[in-house]
């Protein structure tokens, strides 16, 4: 399913070592937040770099939290859902690879993971 996403302003932590460092990056991202409830979390991957991200909300002070800011670029994406994603981590990369073979991927923008819930992960592949 093709969707169009707006730019998303986020606070982020770059994962050491790419996707394998994602758990460490998410721990560093979540640690200074007062609460995770209601937050929108994302993971992005572009050219070997993985970023753990959380959407900036009114009242957030990224500098005071010690977090970098960035904008996930919007545009046209192909969308897939993964349920029970925590027990299927290898399927995340495999799904993006399969999508890239099926669609004309835009390699100038990152692939995006939206952690909708502890059960559902939405994958967005940027396309031309």
Protein backbone atom coordinates (compact mmCIF):
# COMPACT_ATOMS: atom_id res chain seq x y z
CA UNK A 1 0.00 0.00 0.00
CA UNK A 2 1.44 3.37 -1.03
CA UNK A 3 1.12 6.20 1.51
CA UNK A 4 2.42 9.74 1.79
CA UNK A 5 3.96 10.82 5.09
CA UNK A 6 4.73 14.32 6.31
CA UNK A 7 8.13 15.21 7.72
CA UNK A 8 8.44 14.09 11.36
CA UNK A 9 10.53 16.16 13.81
CA UNK A 10 12.23 13.81 16.26
CA UNK A 11 14.76 13.50 19.03
CA UNK A 12 17.20 10.72 18.22
CA UNK A 13 20.20 8.61 19.13
CA UNK A 14 22.47 7.13 16.45
CA UNK A 15 22.99 3.42 17.07
CA UNK A 16 26.57 2.28 17.46
CA UNK A 17 27.32 -0.30 14.78
CA UNK A 18 24.15 0.20 12.73
CA UNK A 19 21.00 -1.89 13.28
CA UNK A 20 22.74 -4.28 15.69
CA UNK A 21 23.11 -1.32 18.07
CA UNK A 22 19.37 -0.50 18.00
CA UNK A 23 18.57 -1.87 21.50
CA UNK A 24 21.36 0.23 23.04
CA UNK A 25 20.24 3.32 21.10
CA UNK A 26 16.61 2.92 22.22
CA UNK A 27 17.72 2.52 25.86
CA UNK A 28 19.72 5.78 25.56
CA UNK A 29 16.75 7.52 23.91
CA UNK A 30 14.18 6.37 26.47
CA UNK A 31 16.30 6.94 29.60
CA UNK A 32 15.87 10.75 29.89
CA UNK A 33 12.13 10.71 29.05
CA UNK A 34 9.77 11.11 32.01
CA UNK A 35 7.25 8.71 30.46
CA UNK A 36 7.04 6.55 27.35
CA UNK A 37 3.25 6.47 27.41
CA UNK A 38 1.68 8.02 24.33
CA UNK A 39 5.05 8.61 22.66
CA UNK A 40 5.57 7.77 18.98
CA UNK A 41 8.81 5.82 18.45
CA UNK A 42 10.58 5.27 15.15
CA UNK A 43 13.68 3.59 13.86
CA UNK A 44 15.34 4.80 10.67
CA UNK A 45 17.98 3.23 8.48
CA UNK A 46 19.96 4.93 5.73
CA UNK A 47 23.37 4.06 4.28
CA UNK A 48 24.38 1.86 7.22
CA UNK A 49 23.23 4.32 9.90
CA UNK A 50 20.40 3.38 12.26
CA UNK A 51 18.69 5.99 14.45
CA UNK A 52 16.34 5.39 17.36
CA UNK A 53 13.83 8.26 17.29
CA UNK A 54 10.89 9.66 19.22
CA UNK A 55 8.56 12.34 17.85
CA UNK A 56 9.02 15.72 19.50
CA UNK A 57 5.99 16.77 21.53
CA UNK A 58 5.05 20.24 22.79
CA UNK A 59 7.04 21.01 25.91
CA UNK A 60 9.97 18.73 25.01
CA UNK A 61 13.40 20.28 25.48
CA UNK A 62 15.80 18.07 23.52
CA UNK A 63 18.89 19.99 24.64
CA UNK A 64 17.97 19.64 28.32
CA UNK A 65 17.38 15.92 27.75
CA UNK A 66 20.76 15.61 26.04
CA UNK A 67 19.19 14.38 22.81
CA UNK A 68 19.95 15.32 19.22
CA UNK A 69 17.16 16.50 16.91
CA UNK A 70 16.50 15.51 13.34
CA UNK A 71 13.68 15.42 10.80
CA UNK A 72 12.57 12.15 9.25
CA UNK A 73 11.90 13.22 5.66
CA UNK A 74 8.39 12.63 4.42
CA UNK A 75 7.23 11.67 0.98
CA UNK A 76 5.90 8.58 -0.74
CA UNK A 77 6.36 5.20 0.99
CA UNK A 78 5.30 1.59 0.59
CA UNK A 79 3.83 0.28 3.83
CA UNK A 80 3.88 -3.17 5.45
CA UNK A 81 2.81 -4.31 8.93
CA UNK A 82 4.55 -6.87 11.13
CA UNK A 83 2.64 -8.32 14.05
CA UNK A 84 4.37 -9.92 17.03
CA UNK A 85 7.49 -8.10 15.83
CA UNK A 86 9.48 -8.57 19.06
CA UNK A 87 9.75 -12.30 18.36
CA UNK A 88 10.44 -11.67 14.65
CA UNK A 89 13.33 -9.18 14.65
CA UNK A 90 15.12 -10.81 11.66
CA UNK A 91 11.92 -10.35 9.64
CA UNK A 92 12.29 -6.56 9.81
CA UNK A 93 15.36 -6.41 7.58
CA UNK A 94 14.10 -9.26 5.40
CA UNK A 95 10.82 -7.43 4.80
CA UNK A 96 12.61 -4.22 3.79
CA UNK A 97 14.84 -6.21 1.40
CA UNK A 98 11.81 -7.91 -0.17
CA UNK A 99 10.04 -4.57 -0.55
CA UNK A 100 13.14 -3.02 -2.17
CA UNK A 101 13.07 -5.79 -4.78
CA UNK A 102 9.40 -5.19 -5.45
CA UNK A 103 9.37 -1.37 -5.60
CA UNK A 104 11.56 1.48 -6.91
CA UNK A 105 13.17 2.42 -3.60
CA UNK A 106 14.33 6.00 -3.02
CA UNK A 107 17.80 5.45 -1.56
CA UNK A 108 18.18 9.15 -0.65
CA UNK A 109 15.64 8.82 2.19
CA UNK A 110 15.67 6.43 5.14
CA UNK A 111 13.56 3.35 5.62
CA UNK A 112 11.30 3.93 8.62
CA UNK A 113 10.02 1.63 11.36
CA UNK A 114 7.04 2.94 13.32
CA UNK A 115 6.59 1.15 16.62
CA UNK A 116 2.81 1.40 16.75
CA UNK A 117 2.55 -0.90 19.79
CA UNK A 118 4.33 -3.77 21.50
CA UNK A 119 2.50 -6.04 19.05
CA UNK A 120 2.52 -4.06 15.80
CA UNK A 121 5.37 -2.57 13.81
CA UNK A 122 4.72 -0.61 10.61
CA UNK A 123 7.50 -0.57 8.02
CA UNK A 124 7.78 2.25 5.49
CA UNK A 125 10.08 1.93 2.47
CA UNK A 126 10.70 5.26 0.68
CA UNK A 127 9.84 5.02 -3.00
CA UNK A 128 10.22 7.23 -6.05
